[in-house]
Amino acid sequence: MKTGIFSSIRLNLLMSSLLIVFISGCSKSAEEMCVEAQMNFYDQAKPNSKQREYFDTAFKSRDAYYAWAWRECVKK
């Protein structure tokens, strides 16, 4: 009888762990993941590069780029 109880407890722990992994892995919406990717792209632009020059010319600040990224990602 004890092994049945322990098996049941282990199964419940496994299912709880899988649920936690699933919930934490799926917590971001498609828009949030899109914006995160856009911001990573913005942050990786090296100083004095053409990419950084474009960002600095087209957007007044990181916040302005963030707002643009949200608008673009919501459209998709």
PDB file of N, CA and C in Angstrom:
ATOM      1  N   MET A   1       0.812  -1.200   0.000  1.00  0.00           N
ATOM      2  CA  MET A   1       0.000   0.000   0.000  1.00  0.00           C
ATOM      3  C   MET A   1       0.856   1.264   0.000  1.00  0.00           C
ATOM      4  N   LYS A   2       1.994   1.222   0.709  1.00  0.00           N
ATOM      5  CA  LYS A   2       2.866   2.389   0.762  1.00  0.00           C
ATOM      6  C   LYS A   2       3.414   2.734  -0.615  1.00  0.00           C
ATOM      7  N   THR A   3       3.777   1.711  -1.408  1.00  0.00           N
ATOM      8  CA  THR A   3       4.330   1.994  -2.737  1.00  0.00           C
ATOM      9  C   THR A   3       3.283   2.648  -3.629  1.00  0.00           C
ATOM     10  N   GLY A   4       2.043   2.277  -3.476  1.00  0.00           N
ATOM     11  CA  GLY A   4       0.967   2.907  -4.246  1.00  0.00           C
ATOM     12  C   GLY A   4       0.818   4.375  -3.898  1.00  0.00           C
ATOM     13  N   ILE A   5       0.921   4.687  -2.627  1.00  0.00           N
ATOM     14  CA  ILE A   5       0.814   6.076  -2.171  1.00  0.00           C
ATOM     15  C   ILE A   5       1.997   6.885  -2.680  1.00  0.00           C
ATOM     16  N   PHE A   6       3.218   6.294  -2.576  1.00  0.00           N
ATOM     17  CA  PHE A   6       4.411   6.992  -3.041  1.00  0.00           C
ATOM     18  C   PHE A   6       4.380   7.188  -4.553  1.00  0.00           C
ATOM     19  N   SER A   7       3.881   6.203  -5.285  1.00  0.00           N
ATOM     20  CA  SER A   7       3.760   6.337  -6.739  1.00  0.00           C
ATOM     21  C   SER A   7       2.784   7.454  -7.087  1.00  0.00           C
ATOM     22  N   SER A   8       1.706   7.523  -6.355  1.00  0.00           N
ATOM     23  CA  SER A   8       0.712   8.565  -6.579  1.00  0.00           C
ATOM     24  C   SER A   8       1.298   9.943  -6.276  1.00  0.00           C
ATOM     25  N   ILE A   9       2.050  10.042  -5.195  1.00  0.00           N
ATOM     26  CA  ILE A   9       2.682  11.314  -4.828  1.00  0.00           C
ATOM     27  C   ILE A   9       3.689  11.727  -5.893  1.00  0.00           C
ATOM     28  N   ARG A  10       4.501  10.771  -6.359  1.00  0.00           N
ATOM     29  CA  ARG A  10       5.487  11.075  -7.399  1.00  0.00           C
ATOM     30  C   ARG A  10       4.805  11.526  -8.687  1.00  0.00           C
ATOM     31  N   LEU A  11       3.715  10.866  -9.039  1.00  0.00           N
ATOM     32  CA  LEU A  11       2.976  11.238 -10.243  1.00  0.00           C
ATOM     33  C   LEU A  11       2.404  12.652 -10.100  1.00  0.00           C
ATOM     34  N   ASN A  12       1.874  12.956  -8.934  1.00  0.00           N
ATOM     35  CA  ASN A  12       1.342  14.304  -8.694  1.00  0.00           C
ATOM     36  C   ASN A  12       2.440  15.359  -8.758  1.00  0.00           C
ATOM     37  N   LEU A  13       3.607  15.054  -8.193  1.00  0.00           N
ATOM     38  CA  LEU A  13       4.729  15.992  -8.252  1.00  0.00           C
ATOM     39  C   LEU A  13       5.187  16.206  -9.691  1.00  0.00           C
ATOM     40  N   LEU A  14       5.245  15.125 -10.452  1.00  0.00           N
ATOM     41  CA  LEU A  14       5.640  15.220 -11.852  1.00  0.00           C
ATOM     42  C   LEU A  14       4.653  16.087 -12.631  1.00  0.00           C
ATOM     43  N   MET A  15       3.380  15.841 -12.435  1.00  0.00           N
ATOM     44  CA  MET A  15       2.361  16.620 -13.144  1.00  0.00           C
ATOM     45  C   MET A  15       2.416  18.093 -12.734  1.00  0.00           C
ATOM     46  N   SER A  16       2.632  18.359 -11.461  1.00  0.00           N
ATOM     47  CA  SER A  16       2.748  19.743 -10.988  1.00  0.00           C
ATOM     48  C   SER A  16       3.958  20.425 -11.614  1.00  0.00           C
ATOM     49  N   SER A  17       5.070  19.705 -11.680  1.00  0.00           N
ATOM     50  CA  SER A  17       6.285  20.260 -12.281  1.00  0.00           C
ATOM     51  C   SER A  17       6.076  20.562 -13.752  1.00  0.00           C
ATOM     52  N   LEU A  18       5.440  19.647 -14.470  1.00  0.00           N
ATOM     53  CA  LEU A  18       5.177  19.864 -15.889  1.00  0.00           C
ATOM     54  C   LEU A  18       4.246  21.053 -16.100  1.00  0.00           C
ATOM     55  N   LEU A  19       3.267  21.199 -15.241  1.00  0.00           N
ATOM     56  CA  LEU A  19       2.341  22.322 -15.341  1.00  0.00           C
ATOM     57  C   LEU A  19       3.072  23.646 -15.123  1.00  0.00           C
ATOM     58  N   ILE A  20       3.955  23.682 -14.143  1.00  0.00           N
ATOM     59  CA  ILE A  20       4.733  24.897 -13.869  1.00  0.00           C
ATOM     60  C   ILE A  20       5.611  25.242 -15.063  1.00  0.00           C
ATOM     61  N   VAL A  21       6.269  24.243 -15.637  1.00  0.00           N
ATOM     62  CA  VAL A  21       7.117  24.475 -16.808  1.00  0.00           C
ATOM     63  C   VAL A  21       6.279  24.982 -17.970  1.00  0.00           C
ATOM     64  N   PHE A  22       5.128  24.383 -18.193  1.00  0.00           N
ATOM     65  CA  PHE A  22       4.254  24.797 -19.287  1.00  0.00           C
ATOM     66  C   PHE A  22       3.785  26.236 -19.100  1.00  0.00           C
ATOM     67  N   ILE A  23       3.340  26.560 -17.906  1.00  0.00           N
ATOM     68  CA  ILE A  23       2.823  27.902 -17.637  1.00  0.00           C
ATOM     69  C   ILE A  23       3.928  28.944 -17.763  1.00  0.00           C
ATOM     70  N   SER A  24       5.102  28.658 -17.229  1.00  0.00           N
ATOM     71  CA  SER A  24       6.183  29.640 -17.305  1.00  0.00           C
ATOM     72  C   SER A  24       6.699  29.789 -18.727  1.00  0.00           C
ATOM     73  N   GLY A  25       6.658  28.728 -19.514  1.00  0.00           N
ATOM     74  CA  GLY A  25       7.125  28.796 -20.894  1.00  0.00           C
ATOM     75  C   GLY A  25       6.145  29.480 -21.814  1.00  0.00           C
ATOM     76  N   CYS A  26       4.899  29.507 -21.465  1.00  0.00           N
ATOM     77  CA  CYS A  26       3.857  30.077 -22.324  1.00  0.00           C
ATOM     78  C   CYS A  26       3.297  31.372 -21.754  1.00  0.00           C
ATOM     79  N   SER A  27       4.047  32.022 -20.915  1.00  0.00           N
ATOM     80  CA  SER A  27       3.501  33.192 -20.243  1.00  0.00           C
ATOM     81  C   SER A  27       3.545  34.452 -21.099  1.00  0.00           C
ATOM     82  N   LYS A  28       4.317  34.448 -22.183  1.00  0.00           N
ATOM     83  CA  LYS A  28       4.413  35.641 -23.018  1.00  0.00           C
ATOM     84  C   LYS A  28       3.543  35.498 -24.253  1.00  0.00           C
ATOM     85  N   SER A  29       2.907  36.582 -24.609  1.00  0.00           N
ATOM     86  CA  SER A  29       2.098  36.586 -25.829  1.00  0.00           C
ATOM     87  C   SER A  29       3.016  36.716 -27.040  1.00  0.00           C
ATOM     88  N   ALA A  30       2.463  36.502 -28.205  1.00  0.00           N
ATOM     89  CA  ALA A  30       3.234  36.636 -29.443  1.00  0.00           C
ATOM     90  C   ALA A  30       3.753  38.068 -29.589  1.00  0.00           C
ATOM     91  N   GLU A  31       2.930  39.036 -29.214  1.00  0.00           N
ATOM     92  CA  GLU A  31       3.348  40.435 -29.301  1.00  0.00           C
ATOM     93  C   GLU A  31       4.519  40.719 -28.369  1.00  0.00           C
ATOM     94  N   GLU A  32       4.452  40.184 -27.145  1.00  0.00           N
ATOM     95  CA  GLU A  32       5.539  40.401 -26.187  1.00  0.00           C
ATOM     96  C   GLU A  32       6.843  39.791 -26.677  1.00  0.00           C
ATOM     97  N   MET A  33       6.767  38.593 -27.249  1.00  0.00           N
ATOM     98  CA  MET A  33       7.977  37.958 -27.774  1.00  0.00           C
ATOM     99  C   MET A  33       8.526  38.739 -28.963  1.00  0.00           C
ATOM    100  N   CYS A  34       7.639  39.263 -29.802  1.00  0.00           N
ATOM    101  CA  CYS A  34       8.048  40.072 -30.948  1.00  0.00           C
ATOM    102  C   CYS A  34       8.761  41.340 -30.479  1.00  0.00           C
ATOM    103  N   VAL A  35       8.177  42.031 -29.510  1.00  0.00           N
ATOM    104  CA  VAL A  35       8.773  43.266 -28.990  1.00  0.00           C
ATOM    105  C   VAL A  35      10.115  42.964 -28.336  1.00  0.00           C
ATOM    106  N   GLU A  36      10.184  41.882 -27.586  1.00  0.00           N
ATOM    107  CA  GLU A  36      11.442  41.498 -26.945  1.00  0.00           C
ATOM    108  C   GLU A  36      12.533  41.273 -27.993  1.00  0.00           C
ATOM    109  N   ALA A  37      12.192  40.619 -29.083  1.00  0.00           N
ATOM    110  CA  ALA A  37      13.159  40.386 -30.162  1.00  0.00           C
ATOM    111  C   ALA A  37      13.583  41.710 -30.797  1.00  0.00           C
ATOM    112  N   GLN A  38      12.632  42.604 -31.010  1.00  0.00           N
ATOM    113  CA  GLN A  38      12.957  43.916 -31.581  1.00  0.00           C
ATOM    114  C   GLN A  38      13.882  44.706 -30.655  1.00  0.00           C
ATOM    115  N   MET A  39      13.616  44.653 -29.359  1.00  0.00           N
ATOM    116  CA  MET A  39      14.449  45.396 -28.410  1.00  0.00           C
ATOM    117  C   MET A  39      15.848  44.790 -28.312  1.00  0.00           C
ATOM    118  N   ASN A  40      15.947  43.468 -28.421  1.00  0.00           N
ATOM    119  CA  ASN A  40      17.270  42.836 -28.455  1.00  0.00           C
ATOM    120  C   ASN A  40      18.042  43.314 -29.677  1.00  0.00           C
ATOM    121  N   PHE A  41      17.351  43.419 -30.812  1.00  0.00           N
ATOM    122  CA  PHE A  41      17.951  43.916 -32.046  1.00  0.00           C
ATOM    123  C   PHE A  41      18.453  45.347 -31.844  1.00  0.00           C
ATOM    124  N   TYR A  42      17.634  46.176 -31.220  1.00  0.00           N
ATOM    125  CA  TYR A  42      18.005  47.569 -30.940  1.00  0.00           C
ATOM    126  C   TYR A  42      19.222  47.625 -30.011  1.00  0.00           C
ATOM    127  N   ASP A  43      19.197  46.827 -28.961  1.00  0.00           N
ATOM    128  CA  ASP A  43      20.273  46.849 -27.965  1.00  0.00           C
ATOM    129  C   ASP A  43      21.598  46.329 -28.512  1.00  0.00           C
ATOM    130  N   GLN A  44      21.560  45.480 -29.529  1.00  0.00           N
ATOM    131  CA  GLN A  44      22.789  44.897 -30.069  1.00  0.00           C
ATOM    132  C   GLN A  44      23.490  45.802 -31.081  1.00  0.00           C
ATOM    133  N   ALA A  45      22.869  46.899 -31.450  1.00  0.00           N
ATOM    134  CA  ALA A  45      23.498  47.816 -32.405  1.00  0.00           C
ATOM    135  C   ALA A  45      24.745  48.428 -31.768  1.00  0.00           C
ATOM    136  N   LYS A  46      25.863  48.243 -32.430  1.00  0.00           N
ATOM    137  CA  LYS A  46      27.138  48.733 -31.896  1.00  0.00           C
ATOM    138  C   LYS A  46      27.268  50.246 -32.125  1.00  0.00           C
ATOM    139  N   PRO A  47      27.939  50.935 -31.204  1.00  0.00           N
ATOM    140  CA  PRO A  47      28.154  52.377 -31.377  1.00  0.00           C
ATOM    141  C   PRO A  47      28.892  52.658 -32.693  1.00  0.00           C
ATOM    142  N   ASN A  48      28.554  53.737 -33.336  1.00  0.00           N
ATOM    143  CA  ASN A  48      29.174  54.181 -34.594  1.00  0.00           C
ATOM    144  C   ASN A  48      28.929  53.250 -35.771  1.00  0.00           C
ATOM    145  N   SER A  49      27.994  52.334 -35.651  1.00  0.00           N
ATOM    146  CA  SER A  49      27.658  51.459 -36.778  1.00  0.00           C
ATOM    147  C   SER A  49      26.518  52.097 -37.571  1.00  0.00           C
ATOM    148  N   LYS A  50      26.317  51.624 -38.794  1.00  0.00           N
ATOM    149  CA  LYS A  50      25.214  52.129 -39.624  1.00  0.00           C
ATOM    150  C   LYS A  50      23.872  51.854 -38.944  1.00  0.00           C
ATOM    151  N   GLN A  51      23.788  50.688 -38.313  1.00  0.00           N
ATOM    152  CA  GLN A  51      22.552  50.319 -37.628  1.00  0.00           C
ATOM    153  C   GLN A  51      22.249  51.305 -36.496  1.00  0.00           C
ATOM    154  N   ARG A  52      23.252  51.611 -35.680  1.00  0.00           N
ATOM    155  CA  ARG A  52      23.061  52.553 -34.569  1.00  0.00           C
ATOM    156  C   ARG A  52      22.749  53.942 -35.110  1.00  0.00           C
ATOM    157  N   GLU A  53      23.419  54.312 -36.184  1.00  0.00           N
ATOM    158  CA  GLU A  53      23.174  55.616 -36.804  1.00  0.00           C
ATOM    159  C   GLU A  53      21.713  55.727 -37.261  1.00  0.00           C
ATOM    160  N   TYR A  54      21.207  54.655 -37.856  1.00  0.00           N
ATOM    161  CA  TYR A  54      19.804  54.637 -38.289  1.00  0.00           C
ATOM    162  C   TYR A  54      18.865  54.784 -37.095  1.00  0.00           C
ATOM    163  N   PHE A  55      19.093  53.980 -36.056  1.00  0.00           N
ATOM    164  CA  PHE A  55      18.226  54.045 -34.877  1.00  0.00           C
ATOM    165  C   PHE A  55      18.237  55.440 -34.266  1.00  0.00           C
ATOM    166  N   ASP A  56      19.436  56.027 -34.164  1.00  0.00           N
ATOM    167  CA  ASP A  56      19.547  57.347 -33.546  1.00  0.00           C
ATOM    168  C   ASP A  56      18.887  58.431 -34.393  1.00  0.00           C
ATOM    169  N   THR A  57      18.876  58.228 -35.719  1.00  0.00           N
ATOM    170  CA  THR A  57      18.244  59.195 -36.611  1.00  0.00           C
ATOM    171  C   THR A  57      16.726  59.014 -36.636  1.00  0.00           C
ATOM    172  N   ALA A  58      16.279  57.779 -36.711  1.00  0.00           N
ATOM    173  CA  ALA A  58      14.851  57.489 -36.865  1.00  0.00           C
ATOM    174  C   ALA A  58      14.057  57.591 -35.562  1.00  0.00           C
ATOM    175  N   PHE A  59      14.711  57.333 -34.435  1.00  0.00           N
ATOM    176  CA  PHE A  59      14.010  57.309 -33.151  1.00  0.00           C
ATOM    177  C   PHE A  59      14.734  58.204 -32.156  1.00  0.00           C
ATOM    178  N   LYS A  60      13.973  59.001 -31.430  1.00  0.00           N
ATOM    179  CA  LYS A  60      14.574  59.948 -30.492  1.00  0.00           C
ATOM    180  C   LYS A  60      15.168  59.267 -29.267  1.00  0.00           C
ATOM    181  N   SER A  61      14.621  58.097 -28.933  1.00  0.00           N
ATOM    182  CA  SER A  61      15.082  57.407 -27.727  1.00  0.00           C
ATOM    183  C   SER A  61      14.742  55.924 -27.811  1.00  0.00           C
ATOM    184  N   ARG A  62      15.228  55.185 -26.838  1.00  0.00           N
ATOM    185  CA  ARG A  62      14.909  53.754 -26.756  1.00  0.00           C
ATOM    186  C   ARG A  62      13.404  53.576 -26.530  1.00  0.00           C
ATOM    187  N   ASP A  63      12.820  54.457 -25.742  1.00  0.00           N
ATOM    188  CA  ASP A  63      11.375  54.391 -25.487  1.00  0.00           C
ATOM    189  C   ASP A  63      10.566  54.609 -26.764  1.00  0.00           C
ATOM    190  N   ALA A  64      11.038  55.511 -27.627  1.00  0.00           N
ATOM    191  CA  ALA A  64      10.347  55.746 -28.899  1.00  0.00           C
ATOM    192  C   ALA A  64      10.425  54.495 -29.770  1.00  0.00           C
ATOM    193  N   TYR A  65      11.584  53.830 -29.765  1.00  0.00           N
ATOM    194  CA  TYR A  65      11.723  52.588 -30.534  1.00  0.00           C
ATOM    195  C   TYR A  65      10.812  51.513 -29.952  1.00  0.00           C
ATOM    196  N   TYR A  66      10.733  51.448 -28.629  1.00  0.00           N
ATOM    197  CA  TYR A  66       9.879  50.475 -27.948  1.00  0.00           C
ATOM    198  C   TYR A  66       8.416  50.663 -28.359  1.00  0.00           C
ATOM    199  N   ALA A  67       7.974  51.914 -28.389  1.00  0.00           N
ATOM    200  CA  ALA A  67       6.591  52.207 -28.789  1.00  0.00           C
ATOM    201  C   ALA A  67       6.362  51.792 -30.241  1.00  0.00           C
ATOM    202  N   TRP A  68       7.325  52.088 -31.109  1.00  0.00           N
ATOM    203  CA  TRP A  68       7.215  51.690 -32.515  1.00  0.00           C
ATOM    204  C   TRP A  68       7.157  50.168 -32.631  1.00  0.00           C
ATOM    205  N   ALA A  69       8.014  49.474 -31.874  1.00  0.00           N
ATOM    206  CA  ALA A  69       8.049  48.006 -31.920  1.00  0.00           C
ATOM    207  C   ALA A  69       6.695  47.427 -31.512  1.00  0.00           C
ATOM    208  N   TRP A  70       6.083  47.973 -30.469  1.00  0.00           N
ATOM    209  CA  TRP A  70       4.760  47.494 -30.047  1.00  0.00           C
ATOM    210  C   TRP A  70       3.730  47.682 -31.153  1.00  0.00           C
ATOM    211  N   ARG A  71       3.731  48.855 -31.760  1.00  0.00           N
ATOM    212  CA  ARG A  71       2.761  49.109 -32.839  1.00  0.00           C
ATOM    213  C   ARG A  71       2.956  48.135 -33.990  1.00  0.00           C
ATOM    214  N   GLU A  72       4.199  47.910 -34.373  1.00  0.00           N
ATOM    215  CA  GLU A  72       4.483  47.004 -35.486  1.00  0.00           C
ATOM    216  C   GLU A  72       4.136  45.555 -35.140  1.00  0.00           C
ATOM    217  N   CYS A  73       4.453  45.143 -33.929  1.00  0.00           N
ATOM    218  CA  CYS A  73       4.205  43.751 -33.531  1.00  0.00           C
ATOM    219  C   CYS A  73       2.712  43.465 -33.396  1.00  0.00           C
ATOM    220  N   VAL A  74       1.943  44.456 -32.992  1.00  0.00           N
ATOM    221  CA  VAL A  74       0.497  44.266 -32.868  1.00  0.00           C
ATOM    222  C   VAL A  74      -0.134  44.119 -34.254  1.00  0.00           C
ATOM    223  N   LYS A  75       0.427  44.783 -35.254  1.00  0.00           N
ATOM    224  CA  LYS A  75      -0.088  44.697 -36.627  1.00  0.00           C
ATOM    225  C   LYS A  75       0.043  43.291 -37.202  1.00  0.00           C
ATOM    226  N   LYS A  76       1.086  42.584 -36.787  1.00  0.00           N
ATOM    227  CA  LYS A  76       1.380  41.267 -37.376  1.00  0.00           C
ATOM    228  C   LYS A  76       0.407  40.213 -36.947  1.00  0.00           C
TER     229      LYS A  76
END
